[in-house]
All heavy atoms as atom14 arrays in JSON, in Angstrom:
{
  "sequence": "EFVAAISRGGSLKSHADSVKGRFTISRDNAKNTLYLQMNG",
  "atom14_mask": [
    [1, 1, 1, 1, 1, 1, 1, 1, 1, 0, 0, 0, 0, 0],
    [1, 1, 1, 1, 1, 1, 1, 1, 1, 1, 1, 0, 0, 0],
    [1, 1, 1, 1, 1, 1, 1, 0, 0, 0, 0, 0, 0, 0],
    [1, 1, 1, 1, 1, 0, 0, 0, 0, 0, 0, 0, 0, 0],
    [1, 1, 1, 1, 1, 0, 0, 0, 0, 0, 0, 0, 0, 0],
    [1, 1, 1, 1, 1, 1, 1, 1, 0, 0, 0, 0, 0, 0],
    [1, 1, 1, 1, 1, 1, 0, 0, 0, 0, 0, 0, 0, 0],
    [1, 1, 1, 1, 1, 1, 1, 1, 1, 1, 1, 0, 0, 0],
    [1, 1, 1, 1, 0, 0, 0, 0, 0, 0, 0, 0, 0, 0],
    [1, 1, 1, 1, 0, 0, 0, 0, 0, 0, 0, 0, 0, 0],
    [1, 1, 1, 1, 1, 1, 0, 0, 0, 0, 0, 0, 0, 0],
    [1, 1, 1, 1, 1, 1, 1, 1, 0, 0, 0, 0, 0, 0],
    [1, 1, 1, 1, 1, 1, 1, 1, 1, 0, 0, 0, 0, 0],
    [1, 1, 1, 1, 1, 1, 0, 0, 0, 0, 0, 0, 0, 0],
    [1, 1, 1, 1, 1, 1, 1, 1, 1, 1, 0, 0, 0, 0],
    [1, 1, 1, 1, 1, 0, 0, 0, 0, 0, 0, 0, 0, 0],
    [1, 1, 1, 1, 1, 1, 1, 1, 0, 0, 0, 0, 0, 0],
    [1, 1, 1, 1, 1, 1, 0, 0, 0, 0, 0, 0, 0, 0],
    [1, 1, 1, 1, 1, 1, 1, 0, 0, 0, 0, 0, 0, 0],
    [1, 1, 1, 1, 1, 1, 1, 1, 1, 0, 0, 0, 0, 0],
    [1, 1, 1, 1, 0, 0, 0, 0, 0, 0, 0, 0, 0, 0],
    [1, 1, 1, 1, 1, 1, 1, 1, 1, 1, 1, 0, 0, 0],
    [1, 1, 1, 1, 1, 1, 1, 1, 1, 1, 1, 0, 0, 0],
    [1, 1, 1, 1, 1, 1, 1, 0, 0, 0, 0, 0, 0, 0],
    [1, 1, 1, 1, 1, 1, 1, 1, 0, 0, 0, 0, 0, 0],
    [1, 1, 1, 1, 1, 1, 0, 0, 0, 0, 0, 0, 0, 0],
    [1, 1, 1, 1, 1, 1, 1, 1, 1, 1, 1, 0, 0, 0],
    [1, 1, 1, 1, 1, 1, 1, 1, 0, 0, 0, 0, 0, 0],
    [1, 1, 1, 1, 1, 1, 1, 1, 0, 0, 0, 0, 0, 0],
    [1, 1, 1, 1, 1, 0, 0, 0, 0, 0, 0, 0, 0, 0],
    [1, 1, 1, 1, 1, 1, 1, 1, 1, 0, 0, 0, 0, 0],
    [1, 1, 1, 1, 1, 1, 1, 1, 0, 0, 0, 0, 0, 0],
    [1, 1, 1, 1, 1, 1, 1, 0, 0, 0, 0, 0, 0, 0],
    [1, 1, 1, 1, 1, 1, 1, 1, 0, 0, 0, 0, 0, 0],
    [1, 1, 1, 1, 1, 1, 1, 1, 1, 1, 1, 1, 0, 0],
    [1, 1, 1, 1, 1, 1, 1, 1, 0, 0, 0, 0, 0, 0],
    [1, 1, 1, 1, 1, 1, 1, 1, 1, 0, 0, 0, 0, 0],
    [1, 1, 1, 1, 1, 1, 1, 1, 0, 0, 0, 0, 0, 0],
    [1, 1, 1, 1, 1, 1, 1, 1, 0, 0, 0, 0, 0, 0],
    [1, 1, 1, 1, 0, 0, 0, 0, 0, 0, 0, 0, 0, 0]
  ],
  "atom14_positions": [
    [[-1.58, 17.76, -13.39], [-1.64, 18.08, -11.92], [-2.67, 19.12, -11.64], [-2.88, 20.07, -12.35], [-0.28, 18.7, -11.56], [-0.19, 19.16, -10.17], [1.14, 19.87, -9.83], [1.83, 20.3, -10.8], [1.52, 19.98, -8.64], [0.0, 0.0, 0.0], [0.0, 0.0, 0.0], [0.0, 0.0, 0.0], [0.0, 0.0, 0.0], [0.0, 0.0, 0.0]],
    [[-3.44, 18.78, -10.58], [-4.44, 19.81, -10.14], [-3.87, 21.06, -9.59], [-2.84, 21.04, -8.99], [-5.3, 19.11, -8.95], [-6.1, 20.07, -8.31], [-7.25, 20.61, -8.83], [-5.79, 20.51, -7.01], [-8.12, 21.44, -8.16], [-6.6, 21.35, -6.3], [-7.76, 21.89, -6.89], [0.0, 0.0, 0.0], [0.0, 0.0, 0.0], [0.0, 0.0, 0.0]],
    [[-4.36, 22.19, -10.01], [-3.95, 23.43, -9.56], [-5.02, 24.16, -8.67], [-4.7, 24.56, -7.5], [-3.66, 24.42, -10.72], [-3.22, 25.79, -10.28], [-2.48, 23.79, -11.57], [0.0, 0.0, 0.0], [0.0, 0.0, 0.0], [0.0, 0.0, 0.0], [0.0, 0.0, 0.0], [0.0, 0.0, 0.0], [0.0, 0.0, 0.0], [0.0, 0.0, 0.0]],
    [[-6.21, 24.35, -9.16], [-7.3, 24.97, -8.39], [-8.58, 24.63, -8.87], [-8.7, 24.31, -10.08], [-7.04, 26.49, -8.43], [0.0, 0.0, 0.0], [0.0, 0.0, 0.0], [0.0, 0.0, 0.0], [0.0, 0.0, 0.0], [0.0, 0.0, 0.0], [0.0, 0.0, 0.0], [0.0, 0.0, 0.0], [0.0, 0.0, 0.0], [0.0, 0.0, 0.0]],
    [[-9.66, 24.75, -8.14], [-10.99, 24.52, -8.52], [-11.98, 25.51, -7.84], [-11.66, 26.08, -6.83], [-11.43, 23.06, -8.2], [0.0, 0.0, 0.0], [0.0, 0.0, 0.0], [0.0, 0.0, 0.0], [0.0, 0.0, 0.0], [0.0, 0.0, 0.0], [0.0, 0.0, 0.0], [0.0, 0.0, 0.0], [0.0, 0.0, 0.0], [0.0, 0.0, 0.0]],
    [[-13.12, 25.67, -8.51], [-14.08, 26.58, -7.96], [-15.44, 26.04, -8.4], [-15.78, 25.52, -9.38], [-13.81, 27.99, -8.56], [-14.81, 29.05, -7.92], [-14.04, 28.05, -10.03], [-14.37, 30.49, -8.21], [0.0, 0.0, 0.0], [0.0, 0.0, 0.0], [0.0, 0.0, 0.0], [0.0, 0.0, 0.0], [0.0, 0.0, 0.0], [0.0, 0.0, 0.0]],
    [[-16.47, 26.28, -7.42], [-17.82, 25.77, -7.64], [-18.49, 26.76, -8.61], [-18.01, 27.9, -8.87], [-18.55, 25.71, -6.34], [-18.57, 26.98, -5.75], [0.0, 0.0, 0.0], [0.0, 0.0, 0.0], [0.0, 0.0, 0.0], [0.0, 0.0, 0.0], [0.0, 0.0, 0.0], [0.0, 0.0, 0.0], [0.0, 0.0, 0.0], [0.0, 0.0, 0.0]],
    [[-19.64, 26.37, -9.14], [-20.25, 27.11, -10.19], [-20.68, 28.51, -9.8], [-20.71, 29.44, -10.56], [-21.38, 26.34, -10.86], [-22.5, 26.02, -9.95], [-23.46, 25.03, -10.71], [-24.67, 24.7, -9.89], [-25.65, 23.89, -10.23], [-25.35, 23.19, -11.39], [-26.66, 23.6, -9.5], [0.0, 0.0, 0.0], [0.0, 0.0, 0.0], [0.0, 0.0, 0.0]],
    [[-20.99, 28.62, -8.51], [-21.35, 30.06, -7.96], [-20.18, 30.77, -7.44], [-20.32, 31.96, -7.05], [0.0, 0.0, 0.0], [0.0, 0.0, 0.0], [0.0, 0.0, 0.0], [0.0, 0.0, 0.0], [0.0, 0.0, 0.0], [0.0, 0.0, 0.0], [0.0, 0.0, 0.0], [0.0, 0.0, 0.0], [0.0, 0.0, 0.0], [0.0, 0.0, 0.0]],
    [[-19.08, 30.19, -7.26], [-17.83, 30.8, -6.73], [-17.77, 30.73, -5.26], [-16.8, 31.27, -4.71], [0.0, 0.0, 0.0], [0.0, 0.0, 0.0], [0.0, 0.0, 0.0], [0.0, 0.0, 0.0], [0.0, 0.0, 0.0], [0.0, 0.0, 0.0], [0.0, 0.0, 0.0], [0.0, 0.0, 0.0], [0.0, 0.0, 0.0], [0.0, 0.0, 0.0]],
    [[-18.64, 30.05, -4.51], [-18.61, 30.13, -3.09], [-17.62, 29.24, -2.56], [-17.19, 29.32, -1.41], [-20.02, 29.75, -2.61], [-20.45, 28.49, -2.95], [0.0, 0.0, 0.0], [0.0, 0.0, 0.0], [0.0, 0.0, 0.0], [0.0, 0.0, 0.0], [0.0, 0.0, 0.0], [0.0, 0.0, 0.0], [0.0, 0.0, 0.0], [0.0, 0.0, 0.0]],
    [[-17.32, 28.12, -3.26], [-16.29, 27.11, -2.84], [-15.07, 27.2, -3.69], [-15.2, 27.23, -4.98], [-16.89, 25.71, -2.96], [-18.09, 25.42, -2.06], [-18.57, 24.05, -2.26], [-17.86, 25.65, -0.5], [0.0, 0.0, 0.0], [0.0, 0.0, 0.0], [0.0, 0.0, 0.0], [0.0, 0.0, 0.0], [0.0, 0.0, 0.0], [0.0, 0.0, 0.0]],
    [[-13.86, 27.23, -3.13], [-12.57, 27.33, -3.81], [-11.65, 26.3, -3.22], [-11.66, 26.07, -1.98], [-11.98, 28.75, -3.81], [-12.85, 29.75, -4.49], [-12.18, 31.1, -4.38], [-12.98, 32.14, -4.99], [-12.32, 33.43, -4.99], [0.0, 0.0, 0.0], [0.0, 0.0, 0.0], [0.0, 0.0, 0.0], [0.0, 0.0, 0.0], [0.0, 0.0, 0.0]],
    [[-10.77, 25.76, -3.97], [-9.72, 24.84, -3.62], [-8.51, 25.11, -4.34], [-8.53, 25.27, -5.56], [-10.17, 23.39, -3.76], [-9.14, 22.5, -3.21], [0.0, 0.0, 0.0], [0.0, 0.0, 0.0], [0.0, 0.0, 0.0], [0.0, 0.0, 0.0], [0.0, 0.0, 0.0], [0.0, 0.0, 0.0], [0.0, 0.0, 0.0], [0.0, 0.0, 0.0]],
    [[-7.27, 25.15, -3.67], [-6.06, 25.34, -4.3], [-5.06, 24.29, -3.84], [-5.0, 23.9, -2.73], [-5.39, 26.7, -3.9], [-6.26, 27.86, -4.42], [-7.36, 28.31, -3.74], [-6.11, 28.7, -5.45], [-7.94, 29.34, -4.36], [-7.2, 29.63, -5.46], [0.0, 0.0, 0.0], [0.0, 0.0, 0.0], [0.0, 0.0, 0.0], [0.0, 0.0, 0.0]],
    [[-4.27, 23.76, -4.79], [-3.29, 22.76, -4.46], [-2.31, 23.38, -3.48], [-1.88, 24.58, -3.47], [-2.5, 22.27, -5.73], [0.0, 0.0, 0.0], [0.0, 0.0, 0.0], [0.0, 0.0, 0.0], [0.0, 0.0, 0.0], [0.0, 0.0, 0.0], [0.0, 0.0, 0.0], [0.0, 0.0, 0.0], [0.0, 0.0, 0.0], [0.0, 0.0, 0.0]],
    [[-1.61, 22.52, -2.61], [-0.71, 23.01, -1.61], [0.43, 23.69, -2.31], [0.94, 24.65, -1.76], [-0.24, 21.79, -0.81], [-1.32, 21.33, 0.24], [-2.3, 22.03, 0.43], [-1.17, 20.25, 0.66], [0.0, 0.0, 0.0], [0.0, 0.0, 0.0], [0.0, 0.0, 0.0], [0.0, 0.0, 0.0], [0.0, 0.0, 0.0], [0.0, 0.0, 0.0]],
    [[0.8, 23.26, -3.42], [2.04, 23.78, -4.08], [1.8, 25.16, -4.54], [2.81, 25.86, -4.78], [2.35, 22.85, -5.34], [1.35, 22.85, -6.23], [0.0, 0.0, 0.0], [0.0, 0.0, 0.0], [0.0, 0.0, 0.0], [0.0, 0.0, 0.0], [0.0, 0.0, 0.0], [0.0, 0.0, 0.0], [0.0, 0.0, 0.0], [0.0, 0.0, 0.0]],
    [[0.59, 25.66, -4.71], [0.34, 26.96, -5.18], [-0.42, 27.85, -4.16], [-0.59, 29.06, -4.38], [-0.45, 26.99, -6.5], [0.26, 26.17, -7.58], [-1.9, 26.55, -6.3], [0.0, 0.0, 0.0], [0.0, 0.0, 0.0], [0.0, 0.0, 0.0], [0.0, 0.0, 0.0], [0.0, 0.0, 0.0], [0.0, 0.0, 0.0], [0.0, 0.0, 0.0]],
    [[-0.83, 27.3, -3.03], [-1.61, 27.98, -2.08], [-0.86, 29.21, -1.53], [0.3, 29.14, -1.17], [-1.98, 27.06, -0.88], [-3.11, 27.44, -0.08], [-3.61, 26.38, 0.9], [-4.08, 25.12, 0.09], [-4.56, 24.07, 1.0], [0.0, 0.0, 0.0], [0.0, 0.0, 0.0], [0.0, 0.0, 0.0], [0.0, 0.0, 0.0], [0.0, 0.0, 0.0]],
    [[-1.56, 30.3, -1.52], [-0.97, 31.58, -1.1], [-0.28, 32.32, -2.18], [0.03, 33.52, -2.01], [0.0, 0.0, 0.0], [0.0, 0.0, 0.0], [0.0, 0.0, 0.0], [0.0, 0.0, 0.0], [0.0, 0.0, 0.0], [0.0, 0.0, 0.0], [0.0, 0.0, 0.0], [0.0, 0.0, 0.0], [0.0, 0.0, 0.0], [0.0, 0.0, 0.0]],
    [[-0.13, 31.7, -3.38], [0.45, 32.39, -4.54], [-0.53, 32.58, -5.7], [-0.6, 33.54, -6.4], [1.65, 31.66, -5.03], [2.8, 31.51, -4.06], [4.02, 30.91, -4.57], [3.84, 29.51, -5.08], [3.97, 29.15, -6.34], [4.37, 30.01, -7.33], [3.76, 27.83, -6.68], [0.0, 0.0, 0.0], [0.0, 0.0, 0.0], [0.0, 0.0, 0.0]],
    [[-1.38, 31.52, -5.85], [-2.35, 31.53, -7.01], [-3.7, 31.69, -6.4], [-4.04, 31.2, -5.3], [-2.3, 30.19, -7.7], [-1.08, 29.92, -8.5], [0.02, 30.75, -8.41], [-1.02, 28.85, -9.45], [1.16, 30.44, -9.21], [0.1, 28.55, -10.13], [1.25, 29.36, -10.05], [0.0, 0.0, 0.0], [0.0, 0.0, 0.0], [0.0, 0.0, 0.0]],
    [[-4.62, 32.34, -7.13], [-6.05, 32.51, -6.77], [-6.93, 32.24, -7.95], [-6.77, 32.87, -8.96], [-6.19, 33.95, -6.29], [-5.37, 34.24, -5.13], [-7.71, 34.09, -5.73], [0.0, 0.0, 0.0], [0.0, 0.0, 0.0], [0.0, 0.0, 0.0], [0.0, 0.0, 0.0], [0.0, 0.0, 0.0], [0.0, 0.0, 0.0], [0.0, 0.0, 0.0]],
    [[-7.84, 31.34, -7.79], [-8.91, 31.05, -8.74], [-9.99, 31.97, -8.49], [-10.5, 32.14, -7.33], [-9.23, 29.57, -8.81], [-10.07, 29.25, -10.04], [-9.93, 29.18, -7.55], [-10.36, 27.83, -10.27], [0.0, 0.0, 0.0], [0.0, 0.0, 0.0], [0.0, 0.0, 0.0], [0.0, 0.0, 0.0], [0.0, 0.0, 0.0], [0.0, 0.0, 0.0]],
    [[-10.63, 32.48, -9.6], [-11.9, 33.19, -9.43], [-12.64, 33.1, -10.75], [-12.23, 32.52, -11.75], [-11.56, 34.67, -9.19], [-10.78, 35.27, -10.26], [0.0, 0.0, 0.0], [0.0, 0.0, 0.0], [0.0, 0.0, 0.0], [0.0, 0.0, 0.0], [0.0, 0.0, 0.0], [0.0, 0.0, 0.0], [0.0, 0.0, 0.0], [0.0, 0.0, 0.0]],
    [[-13.93, 33.64, -10.75], [-14.74, 33.61, -11.92], [-15.64, 34.79, -12.01], [-16.03, 35.31, -10.95], [-15.57, 32.27, -12.06], [-16.63, 32.15, -10.87], [-17.17, 30.75, -10.83], [-17.83, 30.32, -12.05], [-18.16, 29.1, -12.47], [-17.71, 28.1, -11.69], [-18.78, 28.9, -13.54], [0.0, 0.0, 0.0], [0.0, 0.0, 0.0], [0.0, 0.0, 0.0]],
    [[-15.95, 35.2, -13.16], [-16.86, 36.22, -13.4], [-17.98, 35.65, -14.32], [-17.82, 35.61, -15.52], [-16.18, 37.44, -14.05], [-17.14, 38.71, -14.14], [-18.39, 38.53, -14.08], [-16.66, 39.81, -14.22], [0.0, 0.0, 0.0], [0.0, 0.0, 0.0], [0.0, 0.0, 0.0], [0.0, 0.0, 0.0], [0.0, 0.0, 0.0], [0.0, 0.0, 0.0]],
    [[-19.1, 35.25, -13.72], [-20.18, 34.6, -14.43], [-20.75, 35.47, -15.46], [-21.35, 35.09, -16.43], [-21.1, 34.01, -13.5], [-20.64, 32.75, -12.79], [-19.64, 32.21, -13.14], [-21.35, 32.25, -11.8], [0.0, 0.0, 0.0], [0.0, 0.0, 0.0], [0.0, 0.0, 0.0], [0.0, 0.0, 0.0], [0.0, 0.0, 0.0], [0.0, 0.0, 0.0]],
    [[-20.8, 36.81, -15.14], [-21.39, 37.77, -16.04], [-20.56, 37.88, -17.35], [-21.09, 38.3, -18.42], [-21.46, 39.17, -15.44], [0.0, 0.0, 0.0], [0.0, 0.0, 0.0], [0.0, 0.0, 0.0], [0.0, 0.0, 0.0], [0.0, 0.0, 0.0], [0.0, 0.0, 0.0], [0.0, 0.0, 0.0], [0.0, 0.0, 0.0], [0.0, 0.0, 0.0]],
    [[-19.28, 37.55, -17.29], [-18.39, 37.59, -18.47], [-18.02, 36.19, -19.03], [-17.24, 36.12, -19.95], [-17.1, 38.35, -18.1], [-17.33, 39.87, -17.78], [-15.9, 40.51, -17.46], [-16.09, 41.96, -17.18], [-14.81, 42.58, -16.93], [0.0, 0.0, 0.0], [0.0, 0.0, 0.0], [0.0, 0.0, 0.0], [0.0, 0.0, 0.0], [0.0, 0.0, 0.0]],
    [[-18.66, 35.18, -18.46], [-18.38, 33.78, -18.82], [-16.91, 33.47, -18.82], [-16.37, 32.87, -19.78], [-18.97, 33.58, -20.22], [-20.53, 33.54, -20.24], [-21.13, 33.64, -19.19], [-21.09, 33.33, -21.39], [0.0, 0.0, 0.0], [0.0, 0.0, 0.0], [0.0, 0.0, 0.0], [0.0, 0.0, 0.0], [0.0, 0.0, 0.0], [0.0, 0.0, 0.0]],
    [[-16.2, 33.94, -17.85], [-14.79, 33.84, -17.85], [-14.25, 33.34, -16.46], [-14.71, 33.75, -15.42], [-14.05, 35.14, -18.11], [-14.59, 35.63, -19.37], [-12.5, 35.05, -18.18], [0.0, 0.0, 0.0], [0.0, 0.0, 0.0], [0.0, 0.0, 0.0], [0.0, 0.0, 0.0], [0.0, 0.0, 0.0], [0.0, 0.0, 0.0], [0.0, 0.0, 0.0]],
    [[-13.33, 32.44, -16.52], [-12.54, 31.81, -15.45], [-11.17, 32.43, -15.39], [-10.6, 32.69, -16.46], [-12.51, 30.32, -15.49], [-11.72, 29.52, -14.44], [-12.44, 29.57, -13.05], [-11.34, 28.18, -14.85], [0.0, 0.0, 0.0], [0.0, 0.0, 0.0], [0.0, 0.0, 0.0], [0.0, 0.0, 0.0], [0.0, 0.0, 0.0], [0.0, 0.0, 0.0]],
    [[-10.67, 32.78, -14.17], [-9.35, 33.32, -14.05], [-8.43, 32.56, -13.14], [-8.98, 31.89, -12.22], [-9.45, 34.76, -13.53], [-10.33, 35.63, -14.32], [-11.62, 35.94, -13.97], [-9.79, 36.24, -15.44], [-12.43, 36.87, -14.68], [-10.61, 37.16, -16.16], [-11.88, 37.48, -15.76], [-12.6, 38.32, -16.63], [0.0, 0.0, 0.0], [0.0, 0.0, 0.0]],
    [[-7.16, 32.67, -13.35], [-6.21, 32.2, -12.47], [-5.12, 33.26, -12.25], [-4.28, 33.48, -13.2], [-5.6, 30.82, -12.89], [-4.5, 30.25, -11.87], [-5.26, 29.74, -10.63], [-3.76, 29.01, -12.55], [0.0, 0.0, 0.0], [0.0, 0.0, 0.0], [0.0, 0.0, 0.0], [0.0, 0.0, 0.0], [0.0, 0.0, 0.0], [0.0, 0.0, 0.0]],
    [[-5.15, 33.98, -11.15], [-4.08, 34.99, -10.86], [-2.94, 34.27, -10.12], [-3.05, 33.59, -9.21], [-4.64, 36.05, -9.9], [-3.61, 37.09, -9.56], [-3.28, 37.96, -10.69], [-4.11, 38.44, -11.45], [-1.94, 38.12, -10.89], [0.0, 0.0, 0.0], [0.0, 0.0, 0.0], [0.0, 0.0, 0.0], [0.0, 0.0, 0.0], [0.0, 0.0, 0.0]],
    [[-1.7, 34.42, -10.9], [-0.53, 33.76, -10.41], [0.47, 34.78, -10.02], [0.94, 35.49, -10.89], [0.02, 32.79, -11.54], [-1.01, 31.82, -12.08], [-0.29, 30.62, -13.24], [0.16, 31.77, -14.55], [0.0, 0.0, 0.0], [0.0, 0.0, 0.0], [0.0, 0.0, 0.0], [0.0, 0.0, 0.0], [0.0, 0.0, 0.0], [0.0, 0.0, 0.0]],
    [[0.81, 34.79, -8.72], [1.84, 35.69, -8.22], [3.0, 34.78, -7.66], [2.95, 33.74, -7.38], [1.34, 36.58, -7.11], [0.22, 37.43, -7.54], [0.18, 37.9, -8.69], [-0.79, 37.58, -6.68], [0.0, 0.0, 0.0], [0.0, 0.0, 0.0], [0.0, 0.0, 0.0], [0.0, 0.0, 0.0], [0.0, 0.0, 0.0], [0.0, 0.0, 0.0]],
    [[4.2, 35.5, -7.52], [5.35, 34.79, -7.03], [5.71, 33.51, -7.76], [6.01, 32.56, -7.1], [0.0, 0.0, 0.0], [0.0, 0.0, 0.0], [0.0, 0.0, 0.0], [0.0, 0.0, 0.0], [0.0, 0.0, 0.0], [0.0, 0.0, 0.0], [0.0, 0.0, 0.0], [0.0, 0.0, 0.0], [0.0, 0.0, 0.0], [0.0, 0.0, 0.0]]
  ]
}
């Protein structure tokens, strides 16, 4: 199941309806790391 996606520069983000408002995708290109913050 799709959860979230982000463009390579981070300017575009998409979250599945089931997690929208609770999960947040982000990236830190300086650290070569992708994140998913999951609340609630």
